Amino acid sequence: MRRLRRVKILATLGPASRDSAIIGKLFEAGADIFRINMSHCPHDEMRERIQTIRALSTHYKREIGILVDLQGPKLRVGQFKDGSAQLKNGAQFRLDSDPTPGDEHRVHLPHPEILSALRKGHNVIIDDGKIRLHIIEAAHEYAIARVDVGGTISNRKGVSLPDTEIPVSAMTPKDRSDLDAALNEGVDWVAISFVQRPEDVAEVKKIVRGRAFVLAKIEKPQAIARLDEIMDVSDALMVARGDLGVEMPLEKVPGLQKRITRMARRSGKPVVVATQMLESMITSPVPTRAEVSDVATAVFEGADAIMLSAESAAGQFPIEAVATMNRIAEEVERDSVYRPVIDGQRTPPEATGADAIANAARDIAETLDVKAVVAWTSSGSTPMRIARERPRPVILALTPNRDTARRLSLVWGIHAMVTKDAHDIDDMAARGCKFANREGFSKEGDRIVIVAGVPFGTPGATNMIRIAFTGKDR
């Protein structure tokens, strides 16, 4: 079940991909890691899906990753006495703390933290941009807005605040409960929604305590303003383009996608490009040409993973969506333009021994046309450093830790396997050659590059590189 591409596919599970047979077919079609969206998944269902994935991993003898996506705060307006109201362009509309059902003049905003944070000039976006207001007067318990884009507003529609940093945690009580349940089941990645500042990520990492990797979803303008700091504390990033496109001008999102992708690669952090990648395949067995180009662009940019949301969770053609994304990615990586684009985005290595060795491994691999870079690893840091260099051959990560192998399923170019740690350098070389041959990456007489840390089993101690011939070592 080895892949013929380096970029990974993250597929969301849902009503259309609930049973084990469908999940197995999604894996066969190309999914490398599965996402469980806690906005729509009770704990019993989450446990059932995790058990299904773990059983499939055993069946296919491949470590399949699991990412749990926390819901985050959901900001919504209150109720209307008639269920909805019509807002006219240019009219005034009041958001307040009064729980009385609203009308065309006012509505309850059941979030005192928003009312206290709103300021004159701030924009308020309701129902994914269908209604747009700006604040002309703000007090502690109410705000008066001018309607810029009117229309029908109905009960409990979502509220977005692109100009307002809200003094609330990205973790709600529901998120804490979901996180505890997910960690108890041994998930590999936790995605955080509603990230505004690095403290939001640090709060989750303090709870996780190394039991999973933490991914920050970049979906708010406030996160863009502090992107460097958020990247420093996160294990990975997601470009959540759907929410970014609601809270920011749509035309800014493609540039932000490129910026975030390149910053993440420079930092050696995995990056996922997500949302509406093959949206039409929710109801159609084939994508639009524009969607194909969108997926291809993310692959050309060097994203670690590309994600399917409703396409695989609730669509009519979940398997076809994964297979289509797989074919697009394979074709892009075969294209003659792909490698010059990827190489052109390289940045100098950090001034550390581990980065210098990762950079040297890439240079040796390309100079000698080796078939695999074998990275012995405990924590996953060695193959992730090598992945930052985007070498031409596959990165075969050998680790004694199953959790590490599963986490690496999100990272570009890495084929992870669980094995006993090497007991000396000769054993390291011999078994590196054996696994490269067994997995079909090399054959007798081919060269491979082996990277490791000595003494073995010491996390982050990458300090050795060796060239080996499969069949005999020199």
Protein backbone atom coordinates (compact mmCIF):
# COMPACT_ATOMS: atom_id res chain seq x y z
CA MET A 1 0.00 0.00 0.00
CA ARG A 2 2.88 2.42 -0.56
CA ARG A 3 1.94 5.66 -2.30
CA LEU A 4 3.31 6.94 -5.60
CA ARG A 5 3.21 10.56 -4.39
CA ARG A 6 4.79 12.62 -1.64
CA VAL A 7 1.89 14.90 -0.62
CA LYS A 8 -0.54 13.30 1.84
CA ILE A 9 -4.35 13.15 1.67
CA LEU A 10 -6.40 13.94 4.78
CA ALA A 11 -9.98 12.67 4.43
CA THR A 12 -12.83 13.66 6.77
CA LEU A 13 -15.16 10.93 8.01
CA GLY A 14 -18.89 11.47 8.37
CA PRO A 15 -22.30 10.02 7.49
CA ALA A 16 -21.15 9.02 4.00
CA SER A 17 -18.03 7.25 5.31
CA ARG A 18 -19.16 5.73 8.57
CA ASP A 19 -18.70 1.98 8.16
CA SER A 20 -15.45 0.08 8.03
CA ALA A 21 -15.88 -1.06 4.42
CA ILE A 22 -16.10 2.53 3.15
CA ILE A 23 -13.20 3.69 5.33
CA GLY A 24 -11.12 0.81 3.97
CA LYS A 25 -11.96 1.83 0.41
CA LEU A 26 -11.04 5.44 1.20
CA PHE A 27 -7.63 4.23 2.39
CA GLU A 28 -7.19 2.08 -0.71
CA ALA A 29 -8.16 5.05 -2.89
CA GLY A 30 -5.42 7.19 -1.35
CA ALA A 31 -6.31 8.55 2.11
CA ASP A 32 -3.27 8.60 4.42
CA ILE A 33 -4.85 10.10 7.54
CA PHE A 34 -8.46 10.53 8.65
CA ARG A 35 -10.12 13.55 10.24
CA ILE A 36 -12.92 13.28 12.81
CA ASN A 37 -14.83 16.55 13.11
CA MET A 38 -16.04 16.91 16.70
CA SER A 39 -18.64 19.50 15.63
CA HIS A 40 -20.72 16.59 14.35
CA CYS A 41 -19.43 13.53 16.20
CA PRO A 42 -20.51 12.32 19.67
CA HIS A 43 -17.93 10.46 21.74
CA ASP A 44 -19.38 7.01 21.06
CA GLU A 45 -19.13 7.54 17.30
CA MET A 46 -15.61 8.93 17.66
CA ARG A 47 -14.49 5.82 19.58
CA GLU A 48 -16.11 3.54 17.02
CA ARG A 49 -14.36 5.29 14.12
CA ILE A 50 -10.99 5.22 15.88
CA GLN A 51 -11.36 1.49 16.54
CA THR A 52 -12.27 0.94 12.89
CA ILE A 53 -9.18 2.85 11.68
CA ARG A 54 -6.88 1.00 14.07
CA ALA A 55 -8.27 -2.34 12.85
CA LEU A 56 -7.70 -1.27 9.24
CA SER A 57 -4.16 -0.26 10.10
CA THR A 58 -3.52 -3.76 11.41
CA HIS A 59 -5.17 -5.32 8.35
CA TYR A 60 -3.18 -3.28 5.82
CA LYS A 61 0.03 -3.31 7.89
CA ARG A 62 0.29 0.47 7.51
CA GLU A 63 0.23 3.12 10.20
CA ILE A 64 -2.83 5.28 9.48
CA GLY A 65 -3.07 8.61 11.28
CA ILE A 66 -6.12 10.05 13.05
CA LEU A 67 -6.77 13.78 13.48
CA VAL A 68 -9.50 15.02 15.80
CA ASP A 69 -10.74 18.52 14.96
CA LEU A 70 -12.11 20.43 17.96
CA GLN A 71 -15.17 22.62 17.31
CA GLY A 72 -14.05 25.79 19.10
CA PRO A 73 -16.40 28.60 20.18
CA LYS A 74 -19.48 29.05 18.01
CA LEU A 75 -20.68 32.66 18.01
CA ARG A 76 -24.32 33.08 17.04
CA VAL A 77 -27.12 35.63 17.22
CA GLY A 78 -30.21 34.84 19.28
CA GLN A 79 -33.82 34.14 18.27
CA PHE A 80 -36.31 36.24 16.28
CA LYS A 81 -39.95 36.46 17.24
CA ASP A 82 -41.03 35.43 13.74
CA GLY A 83 -38.07 33.12 13.20
CA SER A 84 -36.37 35.64 10.94
CA ALA A 85 -36.25 39.31 9.98
CA GLN A 86 -35.45 41.37 6.90
CA LEU A 87 -32.57 43.85 7.19
CA LYS A 88 -32.44 46.72 4.70
CA ASN A 89 -29.25 48.27 3.38
CA GLY A 90 -28.37 51.45 5.26
CA ALA A 91 -30.67 50.72 8.21
CA GLN A 92 -29.51 50.65 11.81
CA PHE A 93 -29.52 47.34 13.67
CA ARG A 94 -28.88 46.82 17.38
CA LEU A 95 -27.00 43.88 18.95
CA ASP A 96 -27.66 43.70 22.68
CA SER A 97 -27.80 41.64 25.89
CA ASP A 98 -31.62 41.55 26.06
CA PRO A 99 -32.80 37.92 25.56
CA THR A 100 -36.19 39.05 24.19
CA PRO A 101 -36.72 37.65 20.64
CA GLY A 102 -35.55 40.08 17.99
CA ASP A 103 -37.01 41.80 14.92
CA GLU A 104 -35.78 43.97 12.03
CA HIS A 105 -34.42 46.54 14.50
CA ARG A 106 -32.50 44.43 17.04
CA VAL A 107 -31.47 40.94 18.18
CA HIS A 108 -29.98 39.35 21.27
CA LEU A 109 -26.24 38.61 21.03
CA PRO A 110 -25.72 35.98 23.77
CA HIS A 111 -21.99 36.65 24.03
CA PRO A 112 -21.17 39.42 26.53
CA GLU A 113 -17.50 39.05 25.67
CA ILE A 114 -18.28 40.19 22.10
CA LEU A 115 -20.33 43.18 23.19
CA SER A 116 -17.53 44.31 25.50
CA ALA A 117 -14.91 43.92 22.74
CA LEU A 118 -16.74 45.62 19.84
CA ARG A 119 -15.58 49.11 18.87
CA LYS A 120 -16.78 51.76 16.46
CA GLY A 121 -15.77 50.83 12.92
CA HIS A 122 -15.55 47.08 13.55
CA ASN A 123 -17.20 44.85 10.95
CA VAL A 124 -19.74 42.17 11.86
CA ILE A 125 -20.38 39.33 9.42
CA ILE A 126 -23.44 37.09 9.85
CA ASP A 127 -24.40 33.82 8.14
CA ASP A 128 -21.09 33.31 6.29
CA GLY A 129 -21.12 36.78 4.77
CA LYS A 130 -24.74 36.97 3.64
CA ILE A 131 -25.31 39.82 6.12
CA ARG A 132 -22.63 42.48 6.69
CA LEU A 133 -22.74 45.27 9.27
CA HIS A 134 -20.34 47.81 10.71
CA ILE A 135 -20.48 49.25 14.21
CA ILE A 136 -21.34 52.94 14.57
CA GLU A 137 -21.79 52.98 18.36
CA ALA A 138 -20.55 50.58 21.02
CA ALA A 139 -21.28 50.32 24.74
CA HIS A 140 -20.76 47.60 27.31
CA GLU A 141 -24.14 45.87 26.84
CA TYR A 142 -25.10 46.83 23.30
CA ALA A 143 -23.74 47.89 19.92
CA ILE A 144 -25.51 49.75 17.14
CA ALA A 145 -24.55 48.81 13.61
CA ARG A 146 -25.22 50.09 10.10
CA VAL A 147 -26.36 47.47 7.59
CA ASP A 148 -23.93 47.33 4.64
CA VAL A 149 -25.34 44.19 3.03
CA GLY A 150 -28.90 43.35 4.05
CA GLY A 151 -31.14 40.37 3.55
CA THR A 152 -32.91 37.75 5.62
CA ILE A 153 -31.44 37.02 9.03
CA SER A 154 -32.82 34.05 10.95
CA ASN A 155 -32.45 32.30 14.29
CA ARG A 156 -29.00 31.29 15.56
CA LYS A 157 -27.00 32.31 12.52
CA GLY A 158 -23.22 32.41 12.95
CA VAL A 159 -21.34 35.62 13.67
CA SER A 160 -17.80 36.44 12.49
CA LEU A 161 -15.77 39.38 13.73
CA PRO A 162 -12.74 40.03 11.49
CA ASP A 163 -11.64 43.20 13.33
CA THR A 164 -12.29 42.14 16.91
CA GLU A 165 -9.98 40.12 19.13
CA ILE A 166 -12.36 38.36 21.46
CA PRO A 167 -11.05 37.77 25.01
CA VAL A 168 -12.15 34.14 25.15
CA SER A 169 -10.23 30.88 25.05
CA ALA A 170 -10.24 28.82 21.86
CA MET A 171 -11.30 25.94 24.14
CA THR A 172 -14.93 25.66 25.24
CA PRO A 173 -16.14 23.16 27.90
CA LYS A 174 -17.28 20.94 25.02
CA ASP A 175 -13.79 21.10 23.50
CA ARG A 176 -12.18 20.11 26.80
CA SER A 177 -14.50 17.12 27.09
CA ASP A 178 -13.87 16.15 23.45
CA LEU A 179 -10.12 16.54 23.87
CA ASP A 180 -10.03 14.33 26.97
CA ALA A 181 -12.04 11.65 25.19
CA ALA A 182 -9.81 11.82 22.09
CA LEU A 183 -6.59 11.62 24.09
CA ASN A 184 -7.92 8.64 26.00
CA GLU A 185 -8.41 6.89 22.66
CA GLY A 186 -4.84 7.68 21.56
CA VAL A 187 -5.47 10.01 18.63
CA ASP A 188 -2.39 11.25 16.78
CA TRP A 189 -3.23 14.88 15.96
CA VAL A 190 -5.50 17.49 17.56
CA ALA A 191 -6.66 20.44 15.44
CA ILE A 192 -7.64 23.66 17.22
CA SER A 193 -10.31 25.97 15.81
CA PHE A 194 -10.74 29.71 16.50
CA VAL A 195 -7.01 30.33 17.07
CA GLN A 196 -6.37 34.04 17.57
CA ARG A 197 -3.05 34.09 19.43
CA PRO A 198 -0.20 31.75 20.41
CA GLU A 199 -1.62 31.38 23.92
CA ASP A 200 -4.58 29.48 22.41
CA VAL A 201 -2.21 26.80 21.12
CA ALA A 202 -0.12 26.77 24.29
CA GLU A 203 -3.26 26.15 26.35
CA VAL A 204 -4.06 23.00 24.37
CA LYS A 205 -0.47 21.77 24.38
CA LYS A 206 -0.42 22.09 28.16
CA ILE A 207 -3.41 19.74 28.36
CA VAL A 208 -2.10 17.34 25.70
CA ARG A 209 1.35 17.00 27.33
CA GLY A 210 2.94 15.33 24.32
CA ARG A 211 0.27 12.66 23.92
CA ALA A 212 -0.56 13.97 20.43
CA PHE A 213 0.70 16.61 18.02
CA VAL A 214 -1.22 19.90 17.94
CA LEU A 215 -2.27 21.59 14.69
CA ALA A 216 -3.41 25.22 14.62
CA LYS A 217 -6.12 26.08 12.10
CA ILE A 218 -5.42 29.48 10.56
CA GLU A 219 -8.93 30.78 9.90
CA LYS A 220 -9.05 34.25 11.51
CA PRO A 221 -7.40 37.57 10.63
CA GLN A 222 -6.16 37.84 14.22
CA ALA A 223 -4.11 34.66 13.66
CA ILE A 224 -2.57 36.10 10.50
CA ALA A 225 -1.37 39.11 12.49
CA ARG A 226 0.55 36.80 14.87
CA LEU A 227 1.39 34.00 12.47
CA ASP A 228 5.09 33.74 13.38
CA GLU A 229 4.31 33.32 17.08
CA ILE A 230 1.53 30.79 16.43
CA MET A 231 3.82 28.80 14.14
CA ASP A 232 6.53 28.68 16.80
CA VAL A 233 4.28 26.96 19.36
CA SER A 234 2.34 24.70 16.95
CA ASP A 235 3.35 21.29 15.62
CA ALA A 236 1.58 21.99 12.30
CA LEU A 237 -0.72 24.49 10.59
CA MET A 238 -3.86 24.27 8.50
CA VAL A 239 -4.86 26.89 5.94
CA ALA A 240 -8.61 26.88 6.65
CA ARG A 241 -9.56 28.76 3.51
CA GLY A 242 -13.33 28.64 3.97
CA ASP A 243 -13.35 30.60 7.21
CA LEU A 244 -10.52 32.86 6.06
CA GLY A 245 -12.60 33.71 2.99
CA VAL A 246 -15.54 34.74 5.19
CA GLU A 247 -13.57 37.00 7.52
CA MET A 248 -11.17 38.44 4.93
CA PRO A 249 -11.57 39.61 1.32
CA LEU A 250 -11.63 36.51 -0.87
CA GLU A 251 -8.93 37.85 -3.15
CA LYS A 252 -6.44 37.81 -0.25
CA VAL A 253 -6.82 34.10 0.48
CA PRO A 254 -4.65 32.68 -2.38
CA GLY A 255 -1.74 34.90 -1.37
CA LEU A 256 -2.16 33.93 2.27
CA GLN A 257 -2.18 30.27 1.29
CA LYS A 258 1.20 30.68 -0.43
CA ARG A 259 2.59 32.74 2.44
CA ILE A 260 1.54 30.26 5.13
CA THR A 261 2.70 27.25 3.10
CA ARG A 262 6.15 28.72 2.54
CA MET A 263 6.52 29.93 6.12
CA ALA A 264 5.61 26.49 7.41
CA ARG A 265 8.14 24.79 5.18
CA ARG A 266 10.82 27.27 6.21
CA SER A 267 10.06 26.41 9.85
CA GLY A 268 9.96 22.67 9.19
CA LYS A 269 6.31 22.48 10.30
CA PRO A 270 3.77 20.42 8.32
CA VAL A 271 1.04 22.45 6.60
CA VAL A 272 -2.39 21.29 5.42
CA VAL A 273 -4.38 23.10 2.71
CA ALA A 274 -8.10 22.64 3.36
CA THR A 275 -11.67 23.53 2.45
CA GLN A 276 -13.69 23.24 -0.77
CA MET A 277 -10.90 21.58 -2.73
CA LEU A 278 -13.28 19.30 -4.67
CA GLU A 279 -16.54 20.83 -3.46
CA SER A 280 -18.58 19.93 -6.54
CA MET A 281 -17.87 16.24 -5.90
CA ILE A 282 -20.30 16.35 -3.00
CA THR A 283 -22.99 15.87 -5.66
CA SER A 284 -21.00 15.09 -8.83
CA PRO A 285 -18.74 12.14 -9.69
CA VAL A 286 -16.28 14.50 -11.41
CA PRO A 287 -14.77 17.80 -10.26
CA THR A 288 -14.69 21.11 -12.08
CA ARG A 289 -11.54 22.13 -13.98
CA ALA A 290 -11.05 24.97 -11.51
CA GLU A 291 -11.07 22.52 -8.59
CA VAL A 292 -8.47 20.34 -10.30
CA SER A 293 -6.28 23.42 -10.70
CA ASP A 294 -6.84 24.35 -7.05
CA VAL A 295 -5.66 20.95 -5.82
CA ALA A 296 -2.73 21.03 -8.22
CA THR A 297 -1.69 24.48 -6.98
CA ALA A 298 -1.50 23.24 -3.39
CA VAL A 299 0.66 20.29 -4.50
CA PHE A 300 2.95 22.55 -6.56
CA GLU A 301 3.34 24.82 -3.52
CA GLY A 302 4.72 21.91 -1.52
CA ALA A 303 1.88 21.48 1.00
CA ASP A 304 2.38 18.47 3.25
CA ALA A 305 -1.26 17.44 2.99
CA ILE A 306 -4.43 18.34 1.11
CA MET A 307 -7.79 17.82 2.78
CA LEU A 308 -11.28 16.69 1.84
CA SER A 309 -14.12 17.84 4.09
CA ALA A 310 -17.75 17.32 3.08
CA GLU A 311 -16.61 15.59 -0.11
CA SER A 312 -15.63 12.47 1.86
CA ALA A 313 -17.77 13.04 4.97
CA ALA A 314 -21.22 13.72 3.55
CA GLY A 315 -20.95 13.62 -0.23
CA GLN A 316 -22.46 11.16 -2.66
CA PHE A 317 -19.05 10.14 -4.06
CA PRO A 318 -16.56 9.90 -1.17
CA ILE A 319 -14.34 7.20 -2.70
CA GLU A 320 -14.29 8.92 -6.08
CA ALA A 321 -13.29 12.20 -4.40
CA VAL A 322 -10.28 10.60 -2.70
CA ALA A 323 -9.28 8.74 -5.87
CA THR A 324 -9.56 11.94 -7.91
CA MET A 325 -7.38 13.87 -5.46
CA ASN A 326 -4.87 11.02 -5.53
CA ARG A 327 -4.68 11.06 -9.34
CA ILE A 328 -4.26 14.84 -9.46
CA ALA A 329 -1.43 14.74 -6.91
CA GLU A 330 0.37 11.90 -8.70
CA GLU A 331 0.15 13.68 -12.03
CA VAL A 332 1.42 16.98 -10.61
CA GLU A 333 4.42 15.27 -9.01
CA ARG A 334 5.26 13.59 -12.33
CA ASP A 335 5.12 16.92 -14.17
CA SER A 336 8.46 18.31 -15.34
CA VAL A 337 7.63 21.68 -13.76
CA TYR A 338 7.02 20.24 -10.28
CA ARG A 339 10.59 19.62 -9.16
CA PRO A 340 11.98 23.04 -10.23
CA VAL A 341 9.10 24.74 -8.38
CA ILE A 342 9.69 22.71 -5.22
CA ASP A 343 13.46 23.22 -5.37
CA GLY A 344 13.01 26.95 -5.93
CA GLN A 345 11.25 27.28 -2.57
CA ARG A 346 14.15 25.87 -0.57
CA THR A 347 15.61 28.02 2.16
CA PRO A 348 19.02 27.67 3.83
CA PRO A 349 19.14 25.20 6.73
CA GLU A 350 19.17 26.38 10.31
CA ALA A 351 22.61 26.54 11.93
CA THR A 352 22.18 23.26 13.80
CA GLY A 353 23.83 19.89 13.36
CA ALA A 354 20.49 18.18 12.69
CA ASP A 355 19.53 20.65 9.94
CA ALA A 356 22.99 20.44 8.38
CA ILE A 357 22.74 16.66 8.23
CA ALA A 358 19.21 16.80 6.75
CA ASN A 359 20.45 19.23 4.09
CA ALA A 360 23.46 16.98 3.38
CA ALA A 361 21.20 13.92 3.08
CA ARG A 362 19.23 15.69 0.40
CA ASP A 363 22.37 16.72 -1.49
CA ILE A 364 23.83 13.21 -1.33
CA ALA A 365 20.53 11.65 -2.40
CA GLU A 366 20.34 13.82 -5.49
CA THR A 367 24.03 13.61 -6.38
CA LEU A 368 24.11 9.82 -6.19
CA ASP A 369 20.50 9.21 -7.32
CA VAL A 370 19.77 7.12 -4.23
CA LYS A 371 16.42 5.34 -4.00
CA ALA A 372 15.51 6.17 -0.39
CA VAL A 373 16.56 8.29 2.56
CA VAL A 374 16.18 6.06 5.62
CA ALA A 375 15.70 8.00 8.87
CA TRP A 376 15.88 6.17 12.18
CA THR A 377 13.82 8.16 14.64
CA SER A 378 12.29 8.09 18.09
CA SER A 379 10.32 11.34 18.18
CA GLY A 380 9.87 11.92 14.43
CA SER A 381 12.05 15.03 14.35
CA THR A 382 14.73 13.52 12.05
CA PRO A 383 12.42 12.59 9.13
CA MET A 384 10.51 15.86 9.56
CA ARG A 385 13.75 17.82 9.21
CA ILE A 386 14.55 15.85 6.08
CA ALA A 387 11.03 16.42 4.73
CA ARG A 388 11.64 20.17 5.00
CA GLU A 389 14.30 19.72 2.31
CA ARG A 390 11.81 18.00 -0.04
CA PRO A 391 14.31 15.38 -1.35
CA ARG A 392 13.55 13.50 -4.56
CA PRO A 393 13.58 9.96 -3.07
CA VAL A 394 11.11 8.74 -0.48
CA ILE A 395 11.86 9.28 3.20
CA LEU A 396 11.58 5.89 4.93
CA ALA A 397 11.12 6.57 8.65
CA LEU A 398 11.93 3.62 10.92
CA THR A 399 10.83 4.01 14.52
CA PRO A 400 10.23 1.83 17.58
CA ASN A 401 7.31 4.10 18.54
CA ARG A 402 3.95 3.39 16.91
CA ASP A 403 2.64 6.81 17.95
CA THR A 404 5.49 8.48 16.07
CA ALA A 405 4.80 6.47 12.92
CA ARG A 406 1.13 7.42 12.99
CA ARG A 407 1.88 11.12 13.49
CA LEU A 408 4.23 11.12 10.51
CA SER A 409 1.35 10.09 8.24
CA LEU A 410 0.59 13.81 7.82
CA VAL A 411 4.10 14.80 6.71
CA TRP A 412 5.25 15.18 3.09
CA GLY A 413 7.22 12.32 1.58
CA ILE A 414 7.43 10.11 4.68
CA HIS A 415 6.67 6.39 4.62
CA ALA A 416 6.76 5.38 8.30
CA MET A 417 7.24 1.87 9.68
CA VAL A 418 7.46 0.46 13.19
CA THR A 419 10.45 -1.72 14.02
CA LYS A 420 12.79 -2.40 16.92
CA ASP A 421 15.45 0.24 17.43
CA ALA A 422 18.88 -0.49 15.93
CA HIS A 423 21.42 -1.84 18.40
CA ASP A 424 24.51 -0.68 16.50
CA ILE A 425 25.53 1.09 13.29
CA ASP A 426 25.86 -2.08 11.21
CA ASP A 427 22.40 -3.24 12.29
CA MET A 428 21.04 0.20 11.43
CA ALA A 429 22.45 -0.01 7.89
CA ALA A 430 21.47 -3.64 7.30
CA ARG A 431 17.87 -3.21 8.39
CA GLY A 432 17.56 0.11 6.59
CA CYS A 433 18.49 -1.69 3.37
CA LYS A 434 16.13 -4.58 4.15
CA PHE A 435 13.10 -2.34 4.69
CA ALA A 436 13.85 -0.18 1.63
CA ASN A 437 13.91 -3.33 -0.52
CA ARG A 438 10.92 -4.93 1.16
CA GLU A 439 8.74 -1.85 0.66
CA GLY A 440 9.68 -1.66 -3.02
CA PHE A 441 11.67 1.57 -2.89
CA SER A 442 14.96 -0.07 -3.86
CA LYS A 443 16.38 -3.35 -5.13
CA GLU A 444 19.63 -5.24 -4.65
CA GLY A 445 22.63 -3.06 -5.46
CA ASP A 446 20.84 0.31 -5.16
CA ARG A 447 22.20 3.03 -2.92
CA ILE A 448 20.33 4.44 0.04
CA VAL A 449 21.22 7.19 2.52
CA ILE A 450 20.79 6.46 6.23
CA VAL A 451 20.36 9.23 8.82
CA ALA A 452 20.22 8.64 12.57
CA GLY A 453 21.22 9.88 15.98
CA VAL A 454 23.83 8.20 18.14
CA PRO A 455 23.31 7.03 20.84
CA PHE A 456 20.17 5.37 19.47
CA GLY A 457 16.83 6.22 21.02
CA THR A 458 17.84 9.76 21.98
CA PRO A 459 15.16 12.18 20.66
CA GLY A 460 16.53 15.07 18.61
CA ALA A 461 20.10 13.75 18.49
CA THR A 462 20.46 13.58 14.69
CA ASN A 463 24.23 13.47 14.18
CA MET A 464 25.10 10.72 11.69
CA ILE A 465 24.75 10.06 7.96
CA ARG A 466 25.82 6.97 6.03
CA ILE A 467 25.63 5.73 2.44
CA ALA A 468 24.79 2.05 2.03
CA PHE A 469 24.27 -0.38 -0.83
CA THR A 470 21.28 -2.65 -0.57
CA GLY A 471 22.76 -6.13 -0.58
CA LYS A 472 26.14 -5.09 0.81
CA ASP A 473 27.30 -2.17 2.90
CA ARG A 474 30.41 -0.09 2.25
